[in-house]
N, C-alpha and C. Protein backbone atom coordinates (compact mmCIF):
# COMPACT_ATOMS: atom_id res chain seq x y z
N UNK A 1 4.00 -25.62 4.17
CA UNK A 1 3.41 -24.40 3.65
C UNK A 1 3.02 -24.59 2.18
N UNK A 2 1.85 -24.19 1.81
CA UNK A 2 1.37 -24.25 0.44
C UNK A 2 2.19 -23.28 -0.41
N UNK A 3 2.70 -23.73 -1.52
CA UNK A 3 3.58 -22.88 -2.32
C UNK A 3 2.86 -21.70 -2.96
N UNK A 4 1.54 -21.71 -2.97
CA UNK A 4 0.78 -20.60 -3.54
C UNK A 4 0.34 -19.58 -2.49
N UNK A 5 0.69 -19.82 -1.24
CA UNK A 5 0.29 -18.92 -0.15
C UNK A 5 1.45 -18.00 0.24
N UNK A 6 1.07 -16.77 0.57
CA UNK A 6 2.05 -15.78 1.02
C UNK A 6 1.52 -15.10 2.28
N UNK A 7 2.43 -14.80 3.17
CA UNK A 7 2.13 -13.99 4.36
C UNK A 7 3.10 -12.83 4.35
N UNK A 8 2.56 -11.64 4.51
CA UNK A 8 3.37 -10.43 4.53
C UNK A 8 3.05 -9.64 5.80
N UNK A 9 4.05 -8.94 6.30
CA UNK A 9 3.86 -8.04 7.44
C UNK A 9 4.78 -6.86 7.25
N UNK A 10 4.22 -5.67 7.28
CA UNK A 10 5.00 -4.44 7.15
C UNK A 10 4.64 -3.52 8.31
N UNK A 11 5.65 -2.84 8.82
CA UNK A 11 5.45 -1.89 9.93
C UNK A 11 5.88 -0.52 9.46
N UNK A 12 4.97 0.43 9.56
CA UNK A 12 5.25 1.81 9.16
C UNK A 12 5.16 2.71 10.40
N UNK A 13 6.26 3.33 10.77
CA UNK A 13 6.24 4.34 11.82
C UNK A 13 6.04 5.69 11.15
N UNK A 14 5.00 6.41 11.57
CA UNK A 14 4.58 7.64 10.90
C UNK A 14 4.51 8.80 11.88
N UNK A 15 4.85 9.99 11.42
CA UNK A 15 4.82 11.20 12.25
C UNK A 15 3.46 11.88 12.18
N UNK A 16 2.42 11.14 12.52
CA UNK A 16 1.06 11.67 12.53
C UNK A 16 0.28 10.89 13.58
N UNK A 17 -0.72 11.52 14.18
CA UNK A 17 -1.51 10.81 15.19
C UNK A 17 -2.32 9.67 14.57
N UNK A 18 -2.61 8.65 15.37
CA UNK A 18 -3.35 7.49 14.85
C UNK A 18 -4.66 7.86 14.15
N UNK A 19 -5.39 8.81 14.69
CA UNK A 19 -6.66 9.20 14.06
C UNK A 19 -6.48 9.73 12.65
N UNK A 20 -5.42 10.50 12.42
CA UNK A 20 -5.15 11.03 11.08
C UNK A 20 -4.76 9.91 10.12
N UNK A 21 -3.94 8.98 10.59
CA UNK A 21 -3.52 7.85 9.75
C UNK A 21 -4.73 6.99 9.40
N UNK A 22 -5.54 6.67 10.39
CA UNK A 22 -6.73 5.84 10.15
C UNK A 22 -7.70 6.52 9.20
N UNK A 23 -7.86 7.83 9.33
CA UNK A 23 -8.78 8.55 8.44
C UNK A 23 -8.37 8.39 6.98
N UNK A 24 -7.07 8.42 6.72
CA UNK A 24 -6.58 8.24 5.35
C UNK A 24 -6.73 6.78 4.92
N UNK A 25 -6.32 5.85 5.75
CA UNK A 25 -6.40 4.43 5.39
C UNK A 25 -7.84 3.95 5.22
N UNK A 26 -8.78 4.61 5.86
CA UNK A 26 -10.19 4.22 5.77
C UNK A 26 -10.85 4.74 4.49
N UNK A 27 -10.11 5.49 3.66
CA UNK A 27 -10.65 6.01 2.40
C UNK A 27 -9.93 5.35 1.21
N UNK A 28 -10.29 4.13 0.89
CA UNK A 28 -9.57 3.40 -0.17
C UNK A 28 -9.61 4.10 -1.52
N UNK A 29 -10.65 4.85 -1.82
CA UNK A 29 -10.72 5.53 -3.12
C UNK A 29 -9.58 6.54 -3.29
N UNK A 30 -9.00 7.00 -2.18
CA UNK A 30 -7.89 7.96 -2.25
C UNK A 30 -6.52 7.29 -2.34
N UNK A 31 -6.43 5.99 -2.17
CA UNK A 31 -5.12 5.33 -2.19
C UNK A 31 -4.30 5.68 -3.44
N UNK A 32 -4.88 5.71 -4.64
CA UNK A 32 -4.06 6.05 -5.81
C UNK A 32 -3.45 7.46 -5.75
N UNK A 33 -3.98 8.33 -4.92
CA UNK A 33 -3.41 9.68 -4.78
C UNK A 33 -2.06 9.66 -4.08
N UNK A 34 -1.85 8.69 -3.19
CA UNK A 34 -0.61 8.67 -2.42
C UNK A 34 0.21 7.38 -2.57
N UNK A 35 -0.38 6.34 -3.11
CA UNK A 35 0.32 5.06 -3.25
C UNK A 35 0.43 4.72 -4.73
N UNK A 36 1.58 4.99 -5.34
CA UNK A 36 1.72 4.87 -6.79
C UNK A 36 1.35 3.50 -7.37
N UNK A 37 1.58 2.43 -6.64
CA UNK A 37 1.30 1.10 -7.17
C UNK A 37 -0.18 0.74 -7.13
N UNK A 38 -0.96 1.46 -6.36
CA UNK A 38 -2.41 1.26 -6.37
C UNK A 38 -2.94 2.13 -7.50
N UNK A 39 -3.13 1.53 -8.65
CA UNK A 39 -3.43 2.27 -9.87
C UNK A 39 -4.88 2.76 -9.93
N UNK A 40 -5.79 1.95 -9.39
CA UNK A 40 -7.20 2.33 -9.49
C UNK A 40 -8.00 1.62 -8.40
N UNK A 41 -8.92 2.37 -7.81
CA UNK A 41 -9.88 1.81 -6.85
C UNK A 41 -11.26 2.25 -7.33
N UNK A 42 -12.14 1.29 -7.47
CA UNK A 42 -13.52 1.59 -7.86
C UNK A 42 -14.43 1.10 -6.75
N UNK A 43 -15.17 2.02 -6.15
CA UNK A 43 -16.11 1.64 -5.10
C UNK A 43 -17.39 1.13 -5.73
N UNK A 44 -17.87 -0.01 -5.24
CA UNK A 44 -19.09 -0.63 -5.76
C UNK A 44 -20.19 -0.64 -4.71
N UNK A 45 -19.97 0.04 -3.64
CA UNK A 45 -20.90 0.09 -2.52
C UNK A 45 -20.15 0.61 -1.31
N UNK A 46 -20.83 0.65 -0.20
CA UNK A 46 -20.22 1.18 1.03
C UNK A 46 -19.05 0.35 1.53
N UNK A 47 -19.11 -0.96 1.31
CA UNK A 47 -18.08 -1.83 1.88
C UNK A 47 -17.40 -2.75 0.87
N UNK A 48 -17.49 -2.42 -0.42
CA UNK A 48 -16.86 -3.30 -1.41
C UNK A 48 -16.42 -2.49 -2.62
N UNK A 49 -15.51 -3.11 -3.39
CA UNK A 49 -15.01 -2.44 -4.58
C UNK A 49 -14.03 -3.31 -5.33
N UNK A 50 -13.35 -2.69 -6.29
CA UNK A 50 -12.30 -3.36 -7.03
C UNK A 50 -11.03 -2.52 -6.93
N UNK A 51 -9.90 -3.21 -7.04
CA UNK A 51 -8.59 -2.56 -6.94
C UNK A 51 -7.70 -3.12 -8.04
N UNK A 52 -6.98 -2.22 -8.69
CA UNK A 52 -5.99 -2.61 -9.69
C UNK A 52 -4.63 -2.16 -9.19
N UNK A 53 -3.68 -3.11 -9.08
CA UNK A 53 -2.37 -2.86 -8.48
C UNK A 53 -1.28 -3.30 -9.46
N UNK A 54 -0.23 -2.49 -9.54
CA UNK A 54 0.95 -2.88 -10.32
C UNK A 54 2.18 -2.28 -9.67
N UNK A 55 3.16 -3.12 -9.42
CA UNK A 55 4.43 -2.67 -8.84
C UNK A 55 5.50 -2.72 -9.92
N UNK A 56 6.71 -3.08 -9.57
CA UNK A 56 7.83 -3.06 -10.51
C UNK A 56 7.74 -4.14 -11.58
N UNK A 57 7.33 -5.33 -11.19
CA UNK A 57 7.25 -6.43 -12.16
C UNK A 57 6.14 -6.16 -13.18
N UNK A 58 6.30 -6.66 -14.40
CA UNK A 58 5.36 -6.34 -15.48
C UNK A 58 4.06 -7.16 -15.45
N UNK A 59 3.34 -7.07 -14.36
CA UNK A 59 2.02 -7.69 -14.29
C UNK A 59 1.15 -6.85 -13.36
N UNK A 60 -0.13 -6.96 -13.59
CA UNK A 60 -1.11 -6.22 -12.82
C UNK A 60 -1.97 -7.21 -12.05
N UNK A 61 -2.34 -6.84 -10.84
CA UNK A 61 -3.27 -7.65 -10.06
C UNK A 61 -4.63 -6.95 -10.06
N UNK A 62 -5.67 -7.72 -10.30
CA UNK A 62 -7.04 -7.20 -10.24
C UNK A 62 -7.76 -7.94 -9.13
N UNK A 63 -8.27 -7.16 -8.20
CA UNK A 63 -8.85 -7.72 -7.00
C UNK A 63 -10.25 -7.17 -6.74
N UNK A 64 -11.10 -8.01 -6.24
CA UNK A 64 -12.33 -7.56 -5.62
C UNK A 64 -12.05 -7.50 -4.13
N UNK A 65 -12.58 -6.50 -3.45
CA UNK A 65 -12.34 -6.36 -2.01
C UNK A 65 -13.66 -6.08 -1.30
N UNK A 66 -13.70 -6.52 -0.05
CA UNK A 66 -14.87 -6.26 0.80
C UNK A 66 -14.39 -5.98 2.20
N UNK A 67 -14.85 -4.88 2.77
CA UNK A 67 -14.50 -4.55 4.15
C UNK A 67 -15.23 -5.51 5.08
N UNK A 68 -14.49 -6.10 6.02
CA UNK A 68 -15.10 -7.00 6.98
C UNK A 68 -15.00 -6.44 8.40
N UNK A 69 -14.12 -5.45 8.59
CA UNK A 69 -14.01 -4.81 9.90
C UNK A 69 -13.49 -3.39 9.71
N UNK A 70 -14.20 -2.45 10.28
CA UNK A 70 -13.77 -1.05 10.28
C UNK A 70 -14.04 -0.52 11.68
N UNK A 71 -13.08 -0.74 12.56
CA UNK A 71 -13.20 -0.36 13.96
C UNK A 71 -12.17 0.73 14.25
N UNK A 72 -12.56 1.97 13.98
CA UNK A 72 -11.62 3.08 14.15
C UNK A 72 -11.23 3.26 15.61
N UNK A 73 -12.12 2.96 16.54
CA UNK A 73 -11.79 3.09 17.97
C UNK A 73 -10.68 2.11 18.35
N UNK A 74 -10.70 0.92 17.76
CA UNK A 74 -9.66 -0.08 18.04
C UNK A 74 -8.46 0.08 17.11
N UNK A 75 -8.59 0.92 16.09
CA UNK A 75 -7.50 1.13 15.15
C UNK A 75 -7.33 0.00 14.16
N UNK A 76 -8.42 -0.67 13.79
CA UNK A 76 -8.33 -1.84 12.91
C UNK A 76 -9.23 -1.67 11.68
N UNK A 77 -8.63 -1.92 10.52
CA UNK A 77 -9.35 -1.96 9.25
C UNK A 77 -8.98 -3.28 8.59
N UNK A 78 -9.97 -4.04 8.17
CA UNK A 78 -9.68 -5.35 7.59
C UNK A 78 -10.56 -5.58 6.38
N UNK A 79 -9.97 -6.20 5.35
CA UNK A 79 -10.70 -6.55 4.13
C UNK A 79 -10.47 -8.02 3.78
N UNK A 80 -11.38 -8.56 3.00
CA UNK A 80 -11.13 -9.81 2.29
C UNK A 80 -10.95 -9.43 0.83
N UNK A 81 -10.20 -10.26 0.11
CA UNK A 81 -9.99 -10.00 -1.31
C UNK A 81 -10.14 -11.29 -2.09
N UNK A 82 -10.48 -11.13 -3.36
CA UNK A 82 -10.66 -12.26 -4.26
C UNK A 82 -10.29 -11.81 -5.66
N UNK A 83 -10.03 -12.76 -6.50
CA UNK A 83 -9.62 -12.45 -7.87
C UNK A 83 -8.25 -13.04 -8.10
N UNK A 84 -7.28 -12.21 -8.53
CA UNK A 84 -5.92 -12.70 -8.75
C UNK A 84 -5.30 -13.22 -7.46
N UNK A 85 -5.73 -12.69 -6.33
CA UNK A 85 -5.33 -13.16 -5.00
C UNK A 85 -6.58 -13.38 -4.18
N UNK A 86 -6.60 -14.42 -3.37
CA UNK A 86 -7.69 -14.64 -2.41
C UNK A 86 -7.09 -14.56 -1.02
N UNK A 87 -7.75 -13.85 -0.12
CA UNK A 87 -7.25 -13.80 1.24
C UNK A 87 -7.76 -12.60 1.99
N UNK A 88 -6.91 -12.10 2.88
CA UNK A 88 -7.31 -10.98 3.72
C UNK A 88 -6.13 -10.05 3.94
N UNK A 89 -6.45 -8.82 4.30
CA UNK A 89 -5.43 -7.84 4.68
C UNK A 89 -5.98 -7.02 5.83
N UNK A 90 -5.08 -6.63 6.74
CA UNK A 90 -5.52 -5.87 7.91
C UNK A 90 -4.50 -4.78 8.23
N UNK A 91 -5.02 -3.59 8.48
CA UNK A 91 -4.24 -2.49 9.05
C UNK A 91 -4.56 -2.42 10.54
N UNK A 92 -3.54 -2.28 11.37
CA UNK A 92 -3.72 -2.01 12.79
C UNK A 92 -2.87 -0.78 13.09
N UNK A 93 -3.50 0.28 13.56
CA UNK A 93 -2.81 1.55 13.81
C UNK A 93 -2.89 1.86 15.30
N UNK A 94 -1.72 2.12 15.89
CA UNK A 94 -1.63 2.45 17.31
C UNK A 94 -0.74 3.67 17.49
N UNK A 95 -0.86 4.29 18.66
CA UNK A 95 0.04 5.38 19.00
C UNK A 95 1.43 4.80 19.20
N UNK A 96 2.43 5.57 18.76
CA UNK A 96 3.82 5.12 18.89
C UNK A 96 4.69 6.37 18.99
N UNK A 97 5.29 6.57 20.15
CA UNK A 97 6.08 7.78 20.35
C UNK A 97 5.20 9.01 20.16
N UNK A 98 5.66 9.93 19.34
CA UNK A 98 4.88 11.14 19.04
C UNK A 98 3.98 10.97 17.83
N UNK A 99 3.95 9.78 17.26
CA UNK A 99 3.16 9.55 16.06
C UNK A 99 2.38 8.26 16.15
N UNK A 100 2.49 7.46 15.09
CA UNK A 100 1.71 6.23 14.97
C UNK A 100 2.58 5.10 14.44
N UNK A 101 2.12 3.92 14.71
CA UNK A 101 2.67 2.72 14.07
C UNK A 101 1.52 2.04 13.34
N UNK A 102 1.68 1.89 12.03
CA UNK A 102 0.68 1.19 11.21
C UNK A 102 1.27 -0.15 10.82
N UNK A 103 0.60 -1.22 11.21
CA UNK A 103 1.04 -2.57 10.88
C UNK A 103 0.10 -3.12 9.82
N UNK A 104 0.68 -3.55 8.71
CA UNK A 104 -0.08 -4.13 7.61
C UNK A 104 0.23 -5.62 7.57
N UNK A 105 -0.82 -6.44 7.66
CA UNK A 105 -0.66 -7.89 7.60
C UNK A 105 -1.54 -8.42 6.48
N UNK A 106 -0.97 -9.30 5.70
CA UNK A 106 -1.69 -9.84 4.56
C UNK A 106 -1.41 -11.35 4.45
N UNK A 107 -2.47 -12.11 4.26
CA UNK A 107 -2.37 -13.55 3.98
C UNK A 107 -3.18 -13.80 2.73
N UNK A 108 -2.49 -14.29 1.69
CA UNK A 108 -3.17 -14.49 0.42
C UNK A 108 -2.73 -15.79 -0.23
N UNK A 109 -3.59 -16.25 -1.12
CA UNK A 109 -3.25 -17.37 -2.00
C UNK A 109 -3.30 -16.83 -3.42
N UNK A 110 -2.26 -17.13 -4.17
CA UNK A 110 -2.19 -16.71 -5.57
C UNK A 110 -3.19 -17.52 -6.38
N UNK A 111 -4.02 -16.83 -7.14
CA UNK A 111 -5.02 -17.48 -7.98
C UNK A 111 -4.74 -17.27 -9.46
N UNK A 112 -4.10 -16.20 -9.81
CA UNK A 112 -3.83 -15.89 -11.22
C UNK A 112 -2.93 -16.99 -11.80
N UNK A 113 -3.35 -17.62 -12.90
CA UNK A 113 -2.60 -18.75 -13.45
C UNK A 113 -1.12 -18.46 -13.74
N UNK A 114 -0.81 -17.34 -14.35
CA UNK A 114 0.59 -17.02 -14.64
C UNK A 114 1.42 -16.96 -13.36
N UNK A 115 0.91 -16.30 -12.34
CA UNK A 115 1.65 -16.19 -11.08
C UNK A 115 1.77 -17.54 -10.39
N UNK A 116 0.77 -18.38 -10.54
CA UNK A 116 0.85 -19.73 -9.94
C UNK A 116 1.99 -20.52 -10.59
N UNK A 117 2.16 -20.34 -11.90
CA UNK A 117 3.26 -21.04 -12.59
C UNK A 117 4.62 -20.51 -12.15
N UNK A 118 4.68 -19.22 -11.84
CA UNK A 118 5.96 -18.60 -11.49
C UNK A 118 6.28 -18.64 -10.00
N UNK A 119 5.31 -18.95 -9.18
CA UNK A 119 5.50 -18.77 -7.74
C UNK A 119 6.64 -19.61 -7.15
N UNK A 120 6.93 -20.76 -7.71
CA UNK A 120 8.07 -21.54 -7.21
C UNK A 120 9.39 -20.85 -7.48
N UNK A 121 9.79 -20.77 -8.76
CA UNK A 121 11.10 -20.19 -9.06
C UNK A 121 11.19 -18.69 -8.79
N UNK A 122 10.08 -17.98 -8.88
CA UNK A 122 10.12 -16.53 -8.74
C UNK A 122 9.67 -16.05 -7.35
N UNK A 123 9.47 -16.97 -6.42
CA UNK A 123 8.97 -16.57 -5.09
C UNK A 123 9.80 -15.44 -4.46
N UNK A 124 11.13 -15.52 -4.44
CA UNK A 124 11.90 -14.41 -3.86
C UNK A 124 11.67 -13.08 -4.60
N UNK A 125 11.50 -13.15 -5.91
CA UNK A 125 11.25 -11.94 -6.69
C UNK A 125 9.87 -11.37 -6.39
N UNK A 126 8.88 -12.23 -6.24
CA UNK A 126 7.53 -11.77 -5.91
C UNK A 126 7.51 -11.14 -4.51
N UNK A 127 8.24 -11.71 -3.58
CA UNK A 127 8.31 -11.14 -2.23
C UNK A 127 9.04 -9.79 -2.26
N UNK A 128 10.10 -9.69 -3.04
CA UNK A 128 10.83 -8.42 -3.16
C UNK A 128 9.96 -7.36 -3.81
N UNK A 129 9.17 -7.75 -4.80
CA UNK A 129 8.25 -6.83 -5.46
C UNK A 129 7.24 -6.27 -4.45
N UNK A 130 6.73 -7.15 -3.59
CA UNK A 130 5.78 -6.72 -2.56
C UNK A 130 6.46 -5.75 -1.58
N UNK A 131 7.67 -6.06 -1.16
CA UNK A 131 8.40 -5.19 -0.23
C UNK A 131 8.63 -3.82 -0.85
N UNK A 132 8.95 -3.78 -2.13
CA UNK A 132 9.14 -2.51 -2.83
C UNK A 132 7.85 -1.70 -2.82
N UNK A 133 6.75 -2.36 -3.09
CA UNK A 133 5.46 -1.69 -3.09
C UNK A 133 5.14 -1.12 -1.71
N UNK A 134 5.43 -1.87 -0.67
CA UNK A 134 5.14 -1.41 0.68
C UNK A 134 6.03 -0.21 1.06
N UNK A 135 7.30 -0.24 0.70
CA UNK A 135 8.17 0.92 0.98
C UNK A 135 7.66 2.17 0.26
N UNK A 136 7.24 2.00 -0.96
CA UNK A 136 6.70 3.13 -1.72
C UNK A 136 5.41 3.65 -1.09
N UNK A 137 4.57 2.74 -0.61
CA UNK A 137 3.34 3.15 0.06
C UNK A 137 3.62 3.94 1.33
N UNK A 138 4.61 3.50 2.11
CA UNK A 138 4.97 4.24 3.33
C UNK A 138 5.45 5.64 2.99
N UNK A 139 6.30 5.75 1.99
CA UNK A 139 6.79 7.08 1.57
C UNK A 139 5.63 7.96 1.10
N UNK A 140 4.75 7.38 0.30
CA UNK A 140 3.61 8.14 -0.21
C UNK A 140 2.67 8.60 0.89
N UNK A 141 2.39 7.71 1.84
CA UNK A 141 1.50 8.09 2.94
C UNK A 141 2.15 9.15 3.81
N UNK A 142 3.45 9.03 4.05
CA UNK A 142 4.16 10.04 4.84
C UNK A 142 4.03 11.41 4.19
N UNK A 143 4.25 11.48 2.89
CA UNK A 143 4.15 12.76 2.17
C UNK A 143 2.71 13.26 2.17
N UNK A 144 1.76 12.38 1.97
CA UNK A 144 0.34 12.74 1.94
C UNK A 144 -0.09 13.34 3.28
N UNK A 145 0.32 12.73 4.37
CA UNK A 145 -0.02 13.24 5.69
C UNK A 145 0.67 14.57 5.94
N UNK A 146 1.92 14.69 5.50
CA UNK A 146 2.69 15.92 5.73
C UNK A 146 2.08 17.12 4.98
N UNK A 147 1.53 16.88 3.79
CA UNK A 147 0.98 17.97 2.98
C UNK A 147 -0.49 18.23 3.28
N UNK A 148 -1.03 17.57 4.28
CA UNK A 148 -2.45 17.78 4.59
C UNK A 148 -3.36 17.21 3.52
N UNK A 149 -2.94 16.11 2.90
CA UNK A 149 -3.74 15.37 1.90
C UNK A 149 -3.88 16.15 0.59
N UNK A 150 -2.82 16.85 0.20
CA UNK A 150 -2.88 17.63 -1.03
C UNK A 150 -1.90 17.14 -2.10
N UNK A 151 -1.74 15.87 -2.26
CA UNK A 151 -0.85 15.37 -3.31
C UNK A 151 -1.63 15.26 -4.60
């Protein structure tokens, strides 16, 4: 395994129908309203933009993103990203019990020089930082769906 590559997978069980979850996930400009670590999203067109992310650790990631798949009928949203990280991320949303299961999968290579220097010794810390961000995102999305998108 390349020491600069990371694979992440998070599963969020949500008390909302898949269509409602997908409707929110398909609006990246709204992510900062419910996901505290997504600091800013700037749309640069229908299928591309920039994202600024910061979690617990004292660094910010700046990413360019491009939608490569938006298949709401199949419950799949996928992007490619470049900048501080290069790779892809995909949401897959399915019915689960009385609600939904949202699976987030991400495969990236660290490009930011500082993170490349730290990725060996700090790899467990970087993975924990990502897990913290994902837990916070699940909590934020749960609250956002519960309040009818009024956060």
